[in-house]
C-alpha cells in the first residue's frame, strides 16, 4: 500500500523542499517513519494525508534544527570574538559554561530539550509544549527538574574544586 503512495509523496516533498535531492531523502525518511508507525494508520483512505503530515513534520523539524544550528554558530562566533578581545575575563565563564553543558548532557532527553529551548532559544512554556508535543504542565515540571539537576551538578563540581 505504501509503495503506491510514493509518487504523490515525492511530489509533495519536492513542493516543500524545492530540491529534488532533498525531497528524495525526505520521502525516504517519511516512508521509514510511516512503516515504523504503520499500526497508527486506522484507515487506508487516510494514508495520503497521514504520509503528508509525517513529511511536513519531518521537514519542519529539519528546518528548526538548521535554524538552531545557525543560531548556535552565531553565538559561538560572538563568544569567540568577545573572548579574543578580553580573554582573561572569559576563562572562568568558559569553565562555567562547560560545566553547565556537561551537566545538561546527563539529563534525560525531554529535560535536555526543554531546558535548551527555554534557556538557549528563549521559548515560553506554551511554545515549548507545542514544539515537543507535550502539555505546558509537563514542560514546567521538566524544566524545574532540569534546572535542579544542572544546579546540583554544578554545585558538586564547585565543591570538588574547593576540597583539598
Protein backbone atom coordinates (compact mmCIF):
# COMPACT_ATOMS: atom_id res chain seq x y z
CA UNK A 1 0.00 0.00 0.00
CA UNK A 2 2.72 2.50 0.94
CA UNK A 3 4.64 1.88 -2.32
CA UNK A 4 1.79 3.20 -4.47
CA UNK A 5 1.83 6.43 -2.45
CA UNK A 6 5.49 7.14 -3.15
CA UNK A 7 4.94 9.27 -6.32
CA UNK A 8 2.47 11.69 -4.70
CA UNK A 9 4.59 11.77 -1.54
CA UNK A 10 7.70 12.59 -3.57
CA UNK A 11 5.84 15.39 -5.40
CA UNK A 12 4.72 16.83 -2.08
CA UNK A 13 8.28 16.64 -0.73
CA UNK A 14 9.60 18.46 -3.83
CA UNK A 15 6.94 21.10 -3.20
CA UNK A 16 8.11 21.50 0.39
CA UNK A 17 11.86 21.45 -0.18
CA UNK A 18 12.13 22.89 -3.70
CA UNK A 19 15.06 20.48 -4.19
CA UNK A 20 14.60 17.04 -5.82
CA UNK A 21 17.58 15.51 -3.98
CA UNK A 22 16.46 16.73 -0.57
CA UNK A 23 12.91 15.67 -1.47
CA UNK A 24 14.13 12.13 -2.16
CA UNK A 25 15.72 11.93 1.28
CA UNK A 26 12.64 13.40 2.93
CA UNK A 27 10.34 10.97 1.13
CA UNK A 28 12.50 8.01 2.16
CA UNK A 29 12.62 9.19 5.78
CA UNK A 30 8.85 9.65 5.70
CA UNK A 31 8.29 6.14 4.38
CA UNK A 32 10.58 4.73 7.06
CA UNK A 33 8.66 6.58 9.78
CA UNK A 34 5.34 5.50 8.26
CA UNK A 35 6.45 1.88 8.15
CA UNK A 36 7.65 2.06 11.75
CA UNK A 37 4.32 3.52 12.90
CA UNK A 38 2.03 1.74 10.40
CA UNK A 39 -0.22 0.43 13.17
CA UNK A 40 -1.31 4.02 13.88
CA UNK A 41 -2.99 4.21 10.47
CA UNK A 42 -6.54 3.06 11.10
CA UNK A 43 -8.00 3.57 7.65
CA UNK A 44 -6.28 3.22 4.27
CA UNK A 45 -8.29 6.16 2.94
CA UNK A 46 -6.35 8.39 5.32
CA UNK A 47 -2.92 7.14 4.22
CA UNK A 48 -2.08 10.04 1.91
CA UNK A 49 -2.82 12.84 4.39
CA UNK A 50 -1.12 10.80 7.10
CA UNK A 51 2.06 10.46 5.00
CA UNK A 52 1.94 14.13 4.05
CA UNK A 53 1.67 15.10 7.72
CA UNK A 54 4.66 12.92 8.58
CA UNK A 55 6.66 14.50 5.74
CA UNK A 56 5.67 18.04 6.69
CA UNK A 57 6.52 17.49 10.35
CA UNK A 58 9.90 15.95 9.45
CA UNK A 59 10.63 18.86 7.11
CA UNK A 60 9.67 21.39 9.78
CA UNK A 61 11.85 19.57 12.31
CA UNK A 62 14.81 19.69 9.91
CA UNK A 63 14.27 23.41 9.31
CA UNK A 64 14.02 24.04 13.05
CA UNK A 65 17.24 22.13 13.72
CA UNK A 66 19.04 24.01 10.96
CA UNK A 67 17.87 27.31 12.44
CA UNK A 68 19.11 26.26 15.89
CA UNK A 69 22.48 25.25 14.41
CA UNK A 70 22.80 28.63 12.68
CA UNK A 71 21.94 30.49 15.90
CA UNK A 72 24.37 28.38 17.90
CA UNK A 73 27.12 29.02 15.35
CA UNK A 74 26.46 32.76 15.56
CA UNK A 75 26.58 32.65 19.36
CA UNK A 76 29.83 30.70 19.30
CA UNK A 77 31.27 33.26 16.88
CA UNK A 78 30.16 36.15 19.09
CA UNK A 79 31.63 34.48 22.17
CA UNK A 80 34.88 33.83 20.33
CA UNK A 81 35.10 37.49 19.25
CA UNK A 82 34.45 38.69 22.82
CA UNK A 83 36.92 36.16 24.20
CA UNK A 84 39.58 37.34 21.81
CA UNK A 85 39.00 40.92 22.95
CA UNK A 86 39.26 40.12 26.69
CA UNK A 87 40.46 36.53 27.14
CA UNK A 88 41.08 36.77 30.90
CA UNK A 89 37.51 37.88 31.55
CA UNK A 90 36.08 34.78 29.87
CA UNK A 91 38.32 32.00 31.18
CA UNK A 92 36.16 31.45 34.27
CA UNK A 93 32.97 31.89 32.25
CA UNK A 94 34.12 29.26 29.76
CA UNK A 95 34.69 26.79 32.63
CA UNK A 96 31.20 27.50 33.97
CA UNK A 97 29.62 27.13 30.54
CA UNK A 98 31.45 23.84 30.00
CA UNK A 99 30.23 22.60 33.39
CA UNK A 100 26.62 23.54 32.61
CA UNK A 101 26.79 21.92 29.17
CA UNK A 102 28.31 18.77 30.65
CA UNK A 103 25.56 18.67 33.28
CA UNK A 104 22.92 19.15 30.57
CA UNK A 105 24.27 16.16 28.66
CA UNK A 106 23.47 13.90 31.62
CA UNK A 107 19.80 14.93 31.65
CA UNK A 108 17.04 12.74 30.22
CA UNK A 109 16.21 13.73 26.63
CA UNK A 110 12.97 15.59 27.43
CA UNK A 111 14.56 17.64 30.21
CA UNK A 112 17.53 18.42 27.98
CA UNK A 113 15.23 19.59 25.15
CA UNK A 114 13.03 21.67 27.46
CA UNK A 115 16.00 23.37 29.11
CA UNK A 116 17.67 24.08 25.78
CA UNK A 117 14.52 25.56 24.23
CA UNK A 118 13.94 27.70 27.30
CA UNK A 119 17.46 28.86 28.10
CA UNK A 120 19.06 28.99 24.66
CA UNK A 121 16.12 29.76 22.39
CA UNK A 122 14.06 31.83 24.82
CA UNK A 123 10.82 29.97 24.12
CA UNK A 124 7.90 30.23 26.54
CA UNK A 125 6.43 27.14 28.20
CA UNK A 126 3.44 27.05 25.81
CA UNK A 127 5.79 27.37 22.83
CA UNK A 128 7.99 24.56 24.15
CA UNK A 129 4.88 22.44 24.70
CA UNK A 130 3.88 22.96 21.06
CA UNK A 131 7.36 22.13 19.75
CA UNK A 132 7.71 18.95 21.83
CA UNK A 133 4.02 17.99 21.66
CA UNK A 134 3.67 17.79 25.43
CA UNK A 135 1.48 19.69 27.89
CA UNK A 136 2.57 23.03 29.38
CA UNK A 137 2.45 21.32 32.79
CA UNK A 138 4.92 18.69 31.60
CA UNK A 139 7.16 21.49 30.32
CA UNK A 140 7.04 23.24 33.69
CA UNK A 141 7.85 20.03 35.58
CA UNK A 142 10.65 19.03 33.18
CA UNK A 143 12.15 22.50 33.27
CA UNK A 144 12.12 22.56 37.06
CA UNK A 145 13.77 19.13 37.30
CA UNK A 146 16.35 20.02 34.64
CA UNK A 147 17.33 23.25 36.36
CA UNK A 148 17.56 21.48 39.71
CA UNK A 149 19.77 18.70 38.31
CA UNK A 150 22.08 21.11 36.48
CA UNK A 151 22.40 23.28 39.59
CA UNK A 152 23.19 20.22 41.72
CA UNK A 153 25.81 19.03 39.23
CA UNK A 154 27.45 22.47 39.17
CA UNK A 155 27.42 22.69 42.98
CA UNK A 156 29.02 19.25 43.22
CA UNK A 157 31.68 20.36 40.75
CA UNK A 158 32.40 23.55 42.73
CA UNK A 159 32.68 21.62 46.00
CA UNK A 160 35.10 19.14 44.43
CA UNK A 161 37.29 22.01 43.17
CA UNK A 162 37.44 23.59 46.64
CA UNK A 163 38.09 20.32 48.50
CA UNK A 164 41.78 19.55 49.17
